[in-house]
Amino acid sequence: MLAALRATHEHLDLEVLDALTRGAGTLPQAIDELQTARAREIGAAPVVAGQVVVSTCNRLEVYLDTDRFHEGVDLVIDAVARTSGLERDVVSLCFDAAMDVPVPQHLYEVTSGLRSLVIGEAEIAGQVRQSYESARRDGRTTSMLHDLFQHAFRCAKRVATQAPVGAAGRSGAAVAVDRAGLELGGFEGRTALIVGTGAYARLGLAELARRGLSDLRVFSPSGRAAGFAERHGAEVVAAEDLDHALRAADLVLACSGRGTSLFPEQFLGAGRTVVLDLALHSDLHPLVRHLKGVSVLGLTDLKVGVEATDDPALTAAREIVEETVEAFRVQQEVRRIDPAMAAMRREVADAADDEVDRLRRDVSGETADVLERSVRKILAKVMHQPAERARHLAETGFADAYVEAFHTIFGIDISSGREAEETPESEDIAPAGWMRVDRTVPPRLTGRALGADAAPREAVPASTLARAALREGQCPVGFGPGGTGRISPDA
């Protein structure tokens, strides 16, 4: 079954996302290790057959091909708790989970840029593709996940060409640079300082150069500025010259993501300065925003959306998403009858082989070859109509009826695997749409599944978990003081 978990900018503060995504690069391995450990401890079969982890500055999402929804969700939550260092109950507050149809719909909207901070931005499609390719190379994908993501890439391409919305395929860096240009009144004669050498630094520098800004300087807290500057025709700023470079710059692109490295005293006397704070793990001390003459534009300040719900491009984009979701559903229904068709072909092929062997005992040479070709041609024609009929039934939602009829006629049962897959969840209530993980119905685990000495987990009040999150300095949206999800300076 298809399932997914998501933690995104749409319902979390970026500070919380930053905490969740720390160590996300090792999340696939952590899921594998926990699954192996559980199988070893309780002797259970693996729950997750495949996984793709999508981690960006705006989201952490995990797509699963899993036999049991709730156990798969529990496995991911445990893994995120391990990689992020946050308490498990706090992690469960931050994630939504869903299964079946809502999952492809969400992924296709994400990949098409419809759920980005900068609506319609082009970078997310590449990030999703990179995540999928990484999972594929590591052997963590399945045929269902392959189908899911290939449809996502086709959907994103159609939206970009047929229904461009918001940023209309531009990168988030391009939108940020445009906003900075408006704040500065143009780039002519301006000086820019790029702090960092990652993807945003590369894209931002390219956008600045494209707009004619030639006085470009680079500082890297990690010491990688020299090679980056040489490749992009910029000037290197040494650590001891950073304060001077900050005061001289009209525009500062801060995107190293290494934590606070730019402090208010470094900007004193700088004059009119625009700072693009584009790292999820901000480079800026919070007080920089309060300095006179300094304008800070962060990720949440760069939202480019489509306000009108009846905007023709947005309507067209959503229709493309819906069409792609339906195409994926139909494809999966057709795949359900593949075992039946394979079994039928084997039966026909075996019958043909037996008949050809009998014929060759009576005749030989060219006559036998002609007869064999005739037999196989006739059987291929006979097979064509049932195969087309089976595909049509699957596409129109009658795959179950076809499989049952196939069993009745041929005596071959191909549904046992699917029934076994669904049995563990048969008495559980799975979420209808996306639901926060701590609110999903927990599985009814047996003593064996829990472990010999384990006791069922007791529910913990959400308010208790919220206070725990606040003590750690992070809090999901909706649980902060006054329900805003923001952290009080005195917390």
Protein backbone atom coordinates (compact mmCIF):
# COMPACT_ATOMS: atom_id res chain seq x y z
CA MET A 1 0.00 0.00 0.00
CA LEU A 2 1.08 3.57 -0.65
CA ALA A 3 1.56 5.80 2.39
CA ALA A 4 3.39 9.01 3.22
CA LEU A 5 4.38 11.31 6.06
CA ARG A 6 4.99 15.03 5.65
CA ALA A 7 6.30 17.92 7.73
CA THR A 8 6.21 21.15 5.72
CA HIS A 9 6.30 24.92 5.89
CA GLU A 10 2.53 24.89 5.42
CA HIS A 11 1.92 23.84 9.02
CA LEU A 12 5.28 24.24 10.79
CA ASP A 13 7.57 27.12 11.59
CA LEU A 14 10.82 27.02 9.64
CA GLU A 15 12.72 26.70 12.93
CA VAL A 16 10.88 23.45 13.65
CA LEU A 17 11.59 22.18 10.13
CA ASP A 18 15.24 23.00 10.66
CA ALA A 19 15.28 20.83 13.79
CA LEU A 20 13.48 17.95 12.06
CA THR A 21 15.71 17.94 8.99
CA ARG A 22 19.02 17.88 10.83
CA GLY A 23 20.48 14.50 10.04
CA ALA A 24 17.86 13.85 7.34
CA GLY A 25 20.61 12.65 5.02
CA THR A 26 20.89 9.51 7.15
CA LEU A 27 17.12 9.00 7.49
CA PRO A 28 16.81 6.24 4.83
CA GLN A 29 19.58 4.29 6.51
CA ALA A 30 17.99 4.81 9.94
CA ILE A 31 14.66 3.43 8.66
CA ASP A 32 16.46 0.37 7.28
CA GLU A 33 18.38 -0.19 10.50
CA LEU A 34 15.30 0.11 12.73
CA GLN A 35 13.34 -2.25 10.50
CA THR A 36 16.14 -4.81 10.59
CA ALA A 37 16.43 -4.50 14.37
CA ARG A 38 12.69 -4.98 14.86
CA ALA A 39 12.65 -8.00 12.58
CA ARG A 40 15.52 -9.50 14.56
CA GLU A 41 13.92 -8.80 17.95
CA ILE A 42 10.36 -9.99 17.29
CA GLY A 43 10.84 -12.15 14.20
CA ALA A 44 8.36 -10.16 12.12
CA ALA A 45 8.56 -9.70 8.37
CA PRO A 46 9.70 -6.26 7.12
CA VAL A 47 6.93 -3.66 7.13
CA VAL A 48 8.37 -1.28 4.53
CA ALA A 49 9.16 -2.62 1.07
CA GLY A 50 10.33 0.71 -0.35
CA GLN A 51 10.92 4.31 0.68
CA VAL A 52 11.81 7.68 -0.82
CA VAL A 53 12.83 10.55 1.48
CA VAL A 54 12.38 14.11 0.16
CA SER A 55 14.21 16.65 2.32
CA THR A 56 14.45 20.33 1.33
CA CYS A 57 14.56 23.64 3.17
CA ASN A 58 10.75 23.72 3.19
CA ARG A 59 9.75 20.11 3.82
CA LEU A 60 10.65 16.65 5.07
CA GLU A 61 8.50 13.95 3.43
CA VAL A 62 8.75 10.17 3.38
CA TYR A 63 6.91 8.08 0.77
CA LEU A 64 6.41 4.41 1.61
CA ASP A 65 5.42 1.18 -0.06
CA THR A 66 4.32 -0.60 3.10
CA ASP A 67 2.31 -3.66 4.08
CA ARG A 68 0.92 -2.09 7.27
CA PHE A 69 0.14 1.60 7.50
CA HIS A 70 0.45 2.27 11.23
CA GLU A 71 3.58 0.20 11.73
CA GLY A 72 5.18 1.93 8.75
CA VAL A 73 4.33 5.35 10.22
CA ASP A 74 5.70 4.33 13.63
CA LEU A 75 8.93 3.18 11.99
CA VAL A 76 9.45 6.53 10.26
CA ILE A 77 8.66 8.55 13.40
CA ASP A 78 11.20 6.51 15.37
CA ALA A 79 13.78 7.03 12.64
CA VAL A 80 13.24 10.82 12.51
CA ALA A 81 13.52 10.97 16.31
CA ARG A 82 16.86 9.19 16.00
CA THR A 83 18.27 11.40 13.21
CA SER A 84 16.97 14.73 14.54
CA GLY A 85 17.65 14.12 18.23
CA LEU A 86 14.12 15.28 19.13
CA GLU A 87 11.82 13.34 21.45
CA ARG A 88 9.62 10.88 19.62
CA ASP A 89 6.36 12.36 20.91
CA VAL A 90 7.41 15.82 19.73
CA VAL A 91 8.24 14.42 16.29
CA SER A 92 4.78 12.85 16.02
CA LEU A 93 3.26 16.30 16.62
CA CYS A 94 5.08 17.65 13.59
CA PHE A 95 4.10 15.08 10.95
CA ASP A 96 0.92 14.42 9.00
CA ALA A 97 0.28 10.99 7.50
CA ALA A 98 -1.98 9.67 4.75
CA MET A 99 -2.46 6.66 2.51
CA ASP A 100 -3.68 5.96 -1.03
CA VAL A 101 -5.19 8.81 -3.14
CA PRO A 102 -4.15 11.86 -1.03
CA VAL A 103 -0.51 10.78 -1.34
CA PRO A 104 -0.05 11.10 -5.12
CA GLN A 105 -2.15 14.26 -5.17
CA HIS A 106 0.14 15.89 -2.62
CA LEU A 107 3.35 14.72 -4.31
CA TYR A 108 2.21 15.98 -7.72
CA GLU A 109 1.31 19.39 -6.27
CA VAL A 110 4.69 19.54 -4.53
CA THR A 111 6.69 18.52 -7.60
CA SER A 112 4.79 21.04 -9.73
CA GLY A 113 5.67 23.87 -7.34
CA LEU A 114 2.06 24.40 -6.23
CA ARG A 115 2.93 23.91 -2.55
CA SER A 116 6.21 25.84 -2.45
CA LEU A 117 6.80 29.03 -0.50
CA VAL A 118 7.41 30.56 -3.90
CA ILE A 119 4.45 29.16 -5.86
CA GLY A 120 5.50 27.77 -9.22
CA GLU A 121 9.25 27.77 -8.50
CA ALA A 122 11.31 25.38 -10.62
CA GLU A 123 13.81 24.01 -8.09
CA ILE A 124 11.52 21.59 -6.29
CA ALA A 125 11.06 19.29 -9.29
CA GLY A 126 14.82 18.80 -9.48
CA GLN A 127 15.05 18.21 -5.73
CA VAL A 128 12.31 15.56 -5.84
CA ARG A 129 14.00 13.87 -8.81
CA GLN A 130 17.32 13.84 -6.98
CA SER A 131 15.66 12.26 -3.93
CA TYR A 132 14.04 9.57 -6.06
CA GLU A 133 17.23 8.80 -7.98
CA SER A 134 19.16 8.49 -4.72
CA ALA A 135 16.60 5.99 -3.38
CA ARG A 136 16.64 4.07 -6.67
CA ARG A 137 20.43 3.80 -6.71
CA ASP A 138 20.36 2.48 -3.14
CA GLY A 139 17.76 -0.16 -4.01
CA ARG A 140 15.04 1.39 -1.84
CA THR A 141 12.33 1.83 -4.50
CA THR A 142 9.59 -0.52 -5.70
CA SER A 143 7.58 -0.66 -8.93
CA MET A 144 4.77 1.29 -7.25
CA LEU A 145 7.12 4.04 -6.04
CA HIS A 146 8.72 4.11 -9.49
CA ASP A 147 5.30 4.67 -11.08
CA LEU A 148 4.39 7.28 -8.45
CA PHE A 149 7.44 9.44 -9.08
CA GLN A 150 7.54 9.06 -12.86
CA HIS A 151 4.00 10.43 -12.97
CA ALA A 152 5.15 13.26 -10.68
CA PHE A 153 7.88 14.31 -13.09
CA ARG A 154 5.51 14.22 -16.05
CA CYS A 155 2.96 16.25 -14.09
CA ALA A 156 5.53 18.93 -13.20
CA LYS A 157 6.59 19.22 -16.82
CA ARG A 158 2.99 19.63 -17.99
CA VAL A 159 2.23 22.28 -15.36
CA ALA A 160 5.39 24.24 -16.22
CA THR A 161 4.60 24.29 -19.95
CA GLN A 162 0.79 24.36 -20.01
CA ALA A 163 -0.17 26.21 -16.82
CA PRO A 164 2.69 28.34 -15.43
CA VAL A 165 1.63 29.96 -12.15
CA GLY A 166 3.23 32.25 -9.58
CA ALA A 167 6.96 32.27 -10.23
CA ALA A 168 6.21 30.61 -13.60
CA GLY A 169 9.10 28.18 -13.46
CA ARG A 170 11.68 30.59 -12.07
CA SER A 171 13.89 29.53 -9.17
CA GLY A 172 13.34 30.75 -5.64
CA ALA A 173 16.71 32.47 -5.88
CA ALA A 174 15.52 34.43 -8.95
CA VAL A 175 12.44 35.62 -7.06
CA ALA A 176 14.61 36.62 -4.07
CA VAL A 177 17.01 38.60 -6.26
CA ASP A 178 14.10 40.37 -7.97
CA ARG A 179 12.73 41.40 -4.57
CA ALA A 180 16.16 42.66 -3.54
CA GLY A 181 16.39 44.68 -6.76
CA LEU A 182 13.09 46.38 -5.95
CA GLU A 183 14.31 47.20 -2.43
CA LEU A 184 17.59 48.62 -3.77
CA GLY A 185 16.10 50.45 -6.73
CA GLY A 186 18.16 48.43 -9.21
CA PHE A 187 21.57 46.77 -9.30
CA GLU A 188 23.62 49.31 -11.22
CA GLY A 189 26.81 50.14 -9.32
CA ARG A 190 25.87 47.82 -6.43
CA THR A 191 28.10 45.46 -4.46
CA ALA A 192 26.93 42.02 -3.36
CA LEU A 193 28.37 39.69 -0.74
CA ILE A 194 27.41 36.00 -0.88
CA VAL A 195 27.83 34.10 2.39
CA GLY A 196 27.98 30.38 1.62
CA THR A 197 28.87 28.21 -1.36
CA GLY A 198 25.87 25.85 -1.65
CA ALA A 199 23.07 25.58 -4.18
CA TYR A 200 21.36 28.83 -3.18
CA ALA A 201 24.67 30.69 -3.30
CA ARG A 202 25.36 29.34 -6.80
CA LEU A 203 21.88 30.17 -8.08
CA GLY A 204 21.84 33.59 -6.41
CA LEU A 205 25.24 34.55 -7.81
CA ALA A 206 24.17 33.46 -11.29
CA GLU A 207 20.97 35.55 -11.05
CA LEU A 208 22.93 38.59 -9.90
CA ALA A 209 25.44 38.23 -12.72
CA ARG A 210 22.56 37.85 -15.20
CA ARG A 211 21.21 41.20 -14.04
CA GLY A 212 24.53 42.90 -14.70
CA LEU A 213 25.96 43.10 -11.17
CA SER A 214 29.71 42.53 -11.51
CA ASP A 215 31.06 43.45 -8.04
CA LEU A 216 30.47 40.05 -6.46
CA ARG A 217 32.24 38.84 -3.32
CA VAL A 218 32.11 35.48 -1.56
CA PHE A 219 32.70 34.46 2.04
CA SER A 220 32.49 30.85 3.20
CA PRO A 221 32.36 29.96 6.92
CA SER A 222 33.58 26.48 5.91
CA GLY A 223 36.58 27.81 4.00
CA ARG A 224 35.43 26.78 0.51
CA ALA A 225 35.21 30.28 -0.95
CA ALA A 226 38.36 30.13 -3.10
CA GLY A 227 37.26 27.39 -5.48
CA PHE A 228 33.68 28.69 -5.62
CA ALA A 229 34.83 32.25 -6.37
CA GLU A 230 37.22 31.09 -9.08
CA ARG A 231 34.51 29.09 -10.84
CA HIS A 232 32.05 31.98 -10.77
CA GLY A 233 34.29 34.99 -11.30
CA ALA A 234 33.87 36.46 -7.82
CA GLU A 235 36.26 37.94 -5.25
CA VAL A 236 37.15 35.94 -2.12
CA VAL A 237 36.56 37.56 1.28
CA ALA A 238 38.85 36.33 4.06
CA ALA A 239 37.53 35.82 7.59
CA GLU A 240 39.39 38.83 8.93
CA ASP A 241 37.85 41.04 6.21
CA LEU A 242 34.25 39.91 6.72
CA ASP A 243 33.15 42.90 8.84
CA HIS A 244 34.46 45.36 6.27
CA ALA A 245 32.82 43.42 3.42
CA LEU A 246 29.45 43.43 5.21
CA ARG A 247 29.57 47.20 5.70
CA ALA A 248 30.58 47.75 2.08
CA ALA A 249 27.91 45.53 0.55
CA ASP A 250 24.58 46.85 -0.70
CA LEU A 251 23.19 43.32 -0.87
CA VAL A 252 24.07 40.34 1.36
CA LEU A 253 22.94 36.90 0.25
CA ALA A 254 23.17 34.81 3.46
CA CYS A 255 22.71 31.13 2.66
CA SER A 256 25.46 29.06 4.30
CA GLY A 257 22.99 27.32 6.63
CA ARG A 258 25.67 26.80 9.28
CA GLY A 259 23.83 28.70 12.02
CA THR A 260 24.33 32.19 13.39
CA SER A 261 27.48 33.69 11.89
CA LEU A 262 26.37 37.27 11.10
CA PHE A 263 25.83 39.52 14.14
CA PRO A 264 24.28 43.00 14.48
CA GLU A 265 27.54 44.71 15.45
CA GLN A 266 29.03 43.67 12.09
CA PHE A 267 26.44 45.81 10.27
CA LEU A 268 26.88 48.97 12.34
CA GLY A 269 27.63 51.89 10.02
CA ALA A 270 26.75 49.83 6.96
CA GLY A 271 24.11 52.25 5.67
CA ARG A 272 21.32 51.03 3.38
CA THR A 273 21.67 47.23 3.12
CA VAL A 274 19.35 44.48 1.90
CA VAL A 275 19.94 41.02 3.37
CA LEU A 276 18.46 37.92 1.73
CA ASP A 277 18.28 35.36 4.53
CA LEU A 278 17.69 32.20 2.48
CA ALA A 279 19.04 29.39 4.67
CA LEU A 280 16.61 27.24 6.65
CA HIS A 281 19.15 27.30 9.50
CA SER A 282 19.50 31.09 9.44
CA ASP A 283 22.93 32.76 9.31
CA LEU A 284 21.56 35.92 10.96
CA HIS A 285 21.29 36.87 14.58
CA PRO A 286 17.61 37.86 15.14
CA LEU A 287 18.54 41.43 16.12
CA VAL A 288 19.92 42.15 12.64
CA ARG A 289 16.30 42.58 11.51
CA HIS A 290 15.93 45.53 13.91
CA LEU A 291 18.91 47.52 12.69
CA LYS A 292 18.15 50.88 11.11
CA GLY A 293 18.86 50.87 7.39
CA VAL A 294 18.98 47.06 7.14
CA SER A 295 16.12 45.25 5.37
CA VAL A 296 16.00 41.49 5.85
CA LEU A 297 14.00 39.28 3.51
CA GLY A 298 13.67 35.70 4.74
CA LEU A 299 12.13 32.62 3.16
CA THR A 300 8.67 33.45 4.50
CA ASP A 301 8.94 37.01 3.13
CA LEU A 302 9.47 35.74 -0.42
CA LYS A 303 6.12 34.04 -0.89
CA VAL A 304 4.83 34.35 -4.41
CA GLY A 305 1.33 33.00 -4.55
CA VAL A 306 -1.81 33.07 -6.61
CA GLU A 307 -4.45 34.77 -4.53
CA ALA A 308 -7.41 34.34 -6.86
CA THR A 309 -8.82 30.85 -6.60
CA ASP A 310 -10.35 31.25 -10.05
CA ASP A 311 -7.02 32.15 -11.70
CA PRO A 312 -7.09 30.30 -15.06
CA ALA A 313 -3.49 29.08 -14.80
CA LEU A 314 -4.00 27.74 -11.27
CA THR A 315 -7.24 26.05 -12.29
CA ALA A 316 -5.49 24.43 -15.25
CA ALA A 317 -2.58 23.33 -13.05
CA ARG A 318 -4.94 21.66 -10.57
CA GLU A 319 -6.75 19.91 -13.40
CA ILE A 320 -3.42 18.52 -14.63
CA VAL A 321 -2.70 17.26 -11.13
CA GLU A 322 -6.10 15.56 -10.93
CA GLU A 323 -5.59 13.95 -14.34
CA THR A 324 -2.20 12.63 -13.26
CA VAL A 325 -3.59 11.23 -10.01
CA GLU A 326 -6.22 9.37 -12.02
CA ALA A 327 -3.60 8.10 -14.48
CA PHE A 328 -1.55 6.72 -11.59
CA ARG A 329 -4.63 5.07 -10.06
CA VAL A 330 -5.53 3.41 -13.35
CA GLN A 331 -1.97 2.21 -13.82
CA GLN A 332 -1.96 0.58 -10.39
CA GLU A 333 -5.30 -1.09 -11.07
CA VAL A 334 -3.94 -2.49 -14.32
CA ARG A 335 -0.85 -3.74 -12.49
CA ARG A 336 -3.14 -5.69 -10.15
CA ILE A 337 -4.27 -7.91 -13.01
CA ASP A 338 -0.74 -8.46 -14.36
CA PRO A 339 -0.32 -11.69 -12.33
CA ALA A 340 -3.59 -13.00 -13.79
CA MET A 341 -2.49 -12.25 -17.33
CA ALA A 342 0.93 -13.77 -16.68
CA ALA A 343 -0.70 -16.92 -15.31
CA MET A 344 -3.00 -17.13 -18.32
CA ARG A 345 -0.08 -16.71 -20.72
CA ARG A 346 1.83 -19.46 -18.93
CA GLU A 347 -1.17 -21.78 -19.20
CA VAL A 348 -1.54 -21.05 -22.91
CA ALA A 349 2.20 -21.33 -23.55
CA ASP A 350 2.37 -24.68 -21.74
CA ALA A 351 -0.59 -25.97 -23.77
CA ALA A 352 1.04 -24.75 -26.97
CA ASP A 353 4.33 -26.46 -26.08
CA ASP A 354 2.55 -29.75 -25.41
CA GLU A 355 0.71 -29.56 -28.74
CA VAL A 356 3.86 -28.64 -30.68
CA ASP A 357 5.74 -31.54 -29.09
CA ARG A 358 2.94 -33.91 -30.15
CA LEU A 359 2.96 -32.55 -33.69
CA ARG A 360 6.72 -32.97 -34.00
CA ARG A 361 6.38 -36.63 -33.09
CA ASP A 362 4.14 -37.09 -36.16
CA VAL A 363 5.77 -34.67 -38.64
CA SER A 364 9.18 -33.07 -38.99
CA GLY A 365 11.17 -30.52 -40.96
CA GLU A 366 9.57 -27.48 -42.57
CA THR A 367 6.02 -28.84 -42.11
CA ALA A 368 6.50 -29.01 -38.34
CA ASP A 369 7.87 -25.44 -38.31
CA VAL A 370 4.85 -24.17 -40.29
CA LEU A 371 2.43 -25.93 -37.97
CA GLU A 372 4.18 -24.55 -34.86
CA ARG A 373 3.98 -20.99 -36.21
CA SER A 374 0.28 -21.48 -37.00
CA VAL A 375 -0.51 -22.83 -33.53
CA ARG A 376 1.25 -19.98 -31.76
CA LYS A 377 -0.30 -17.34 -34.05
CA ILE A 378 -3.81 -18.68 -33.37
CA LEU A 379 -3.23 -18.70 -29.60
CA ALA A 380 -1.85 -15.15 -29.71
CA LYS A 381 -5.03 -13.97 -31.44
CA VAL A 382 -7.16 -15.84 -28.93
CA MET A 383 -5.26 -14.19 -26.06
CA HIS A 384 -5.56 -10.64 -27.43
CA GLN A 385 -9.23 -10.02 -26.65
CA PRO A 386 -9.16 -11.38 -23.05
CA ALA A 387 -6.07 -9.28 -22.37
CA GLU A 388 -7.70 -6.11 -23.68
CA ARG A 389 -10.88 -6.89 -21.79
CA ALA A 390 -8.93 -7.41 -18.57
CA ARG A 391 -7.17 -4.08 -18.99
CA HIS A 392 -10.46 -2.30 -19.64
CA LEU A 393 -12.04 -3.84 -16.53
CA ALA A 394 -9.06 -2.77 -14.41
CA GLU A 395 -9.18 0.78 -15.78
CA THR A 396 -12.88 1.07 -14.96
CA GLY A 397 -12.53 -0.22 -11.40
CA PHE A 398 -13.49 -3.87 -11.83
CA ALA A 399 -10.11 -5.47 -11.19
CA ASP A 400 -11.45 -7.40 -8.17
CA ALA A 401 -14.29 -8.87 -10.22
CA TYR A 402 -11.85 -9.91 -12.93
CA VAL A 403 -9.50 -11.60 -10.45
CA GLU A 404 -12.43 -13.48 -8.87
CA ALA A 405 -13.72 -14.60 -12.27
CA PHE A 406 -10.23 -15.64 -13.29
CA HIS A 407 -10.01 -17.86 -10.23
CA THR A 408 -13.45 -19.34 -10.92
CA ILE A 409 -12.67 -20.16 -14.58
CA PHE A 410 -9.03 -21.24 -14.38
CA GLY A 411 -8.75 -22.35 -10.75
CA ILE A 412 -5.70 -20.10 -10.23
CA ASP A 413 -5.80 -17.89 -7.11
CA ILE A 414 -3.69 -14.73 -7.54
CA SER A 415 -5.41 -12.66 -4.83
CA SER A 416 -3.93 -14.37 -1.75
CA GLY A 417 -0.92 -12.07 -1.65
CA ARG A 418 -3.06 -8.96 -1.68
CA GLU A 419 -5.42 -10.31 0.96
CA ALA A 420 -2.50 -11.19 3.22
CA GLU A 421 -1.18 -7.72 2.74
CA GLU A 422 -4.44 -6.12 3.85
CA THR A 423 -5.29 -8.47 6.74
CA PRO A 424 -3.14 -6.78 9.44
CA GLU A 425 -4.94 -3.49 8.77
CA SER A 426 -8.41 -4.95 8.37
CA GLU A 427 -9.58 -3.89 11.85
CA ASP A 428 -7.64 -0.61 11.99
CA ILE A 429 -9.07 2.75 11.08
CA ALA A 430 -6.72 4.45 8.64
CA PRO A 431 -6.85 8.25 8.24
CA ALA A 432 -9.24 9.69 5.69
CA GLY A 433 -6.94 12.19 4.03
CA TRP A 434 -4.01 13.75 5.87
CA MET A 435 -4.06 13.56 9.65
CA ARG A 436 -1.49 14.52 12.24
CA VAL A 437 0.39 11.40 13.31
CA ASP A 438 -0.42 11.72 17.01
CA ARG A 439 -4.12 11.77 16.10
CA THR A 440 -4.13 8.68 13.88
CA VAL A 441 -5.60 5.52 15.39
CA PRO A 442 -2.76 3.36 16.75
CA PRO A 443 -2.53 -0.27 15.59
CA ARG A 444 -3.86 -3.03 17.83
CA LEU A 445 -0.52 -4.69 18.39
CA THR A 446 -0.34 -8.18 19.86
CA GLY A 447 1.94 -9.06 22.75
CA ARG A 448 4.32 -10.71 20.27
CA ALA A 449 4.48 -7.60 18.11
CA LEU A 450 5.10 -5.41 21.13
CA GLY A 451 7.71 -7.71 22.60
CA ALA A 452 7.36 -10.15 25.46
CA ASP A 453 7.56 -7.61 28.25
CA ALA A 454 6.24 -4.55 26.50
CA ALA A 455 3.07 -2.74 27.48
CA PRO A 456 0.85 -0.72 25.14
CA ARG A 457 1.88 2.92 24.89
CA GLU A 458 -0.36 5.27 26.85
CA ALA A 459 -1.65 8.41 25.22
CA VAL A 460 0.11 11.62 26.22
CA PRO A 461 -1.95 14.83 26.26
CA ALA A 462 -1.09 17.21 23.43
CA SER A 463 -0.57 20.03 25.92
CA THR A 464 2.12 17.99 27.68
CA LEU A 465 3.89 17.38 24.40
CA ALA A 466 3.61 21.04 23.48
CA ARG A 467 5.29 22.04 26.74
CA ALA A 468 8.02 19.50 26.04
CA ALA A 469 8.54 21.06 22.64
CA LEU A 470 8.70 24.54 24.17
CA ARG A 471 11.31 23.40 26.67
CA GLU A 472 13.46 22.32 23.73
CA GLY A 473 12.99 25.71 22.11
CA GLN A 474 10.86 24.37 19.26
CA CYS A 475 7.09 24.18 18.93
CA PRO A 476 4.78 23.04 16.12
CA VAL A 477 2.37 25.61 14.75
CA GLY A 478 -0.84 25.81 16.77
CA PHE A 479 0.78 24.76 20.06
CA GLY A 480 2.74 27.90 20.95
CA PRO A 481 1.60 30.65 23.31
CA GLY A 482 -1.81 31.83 22.20
CA GLY A 483 -1.98 29.01 19.69
CA THR A 484 0.23 30.82 17.20
CA GLY A 485 2.94 28.19 17.12
CA ARG A 486 5.56 30.92 17.61
CA ILE A 487 7.99 30.68 20.48
CA SER A 488 7.86 33.41 23.05
CA PRO A 489 11.19 35.21 23.62
CA ASP A 490 10.78 34.42 27.32
CA ALA A 491 10.02 30.69 26.82
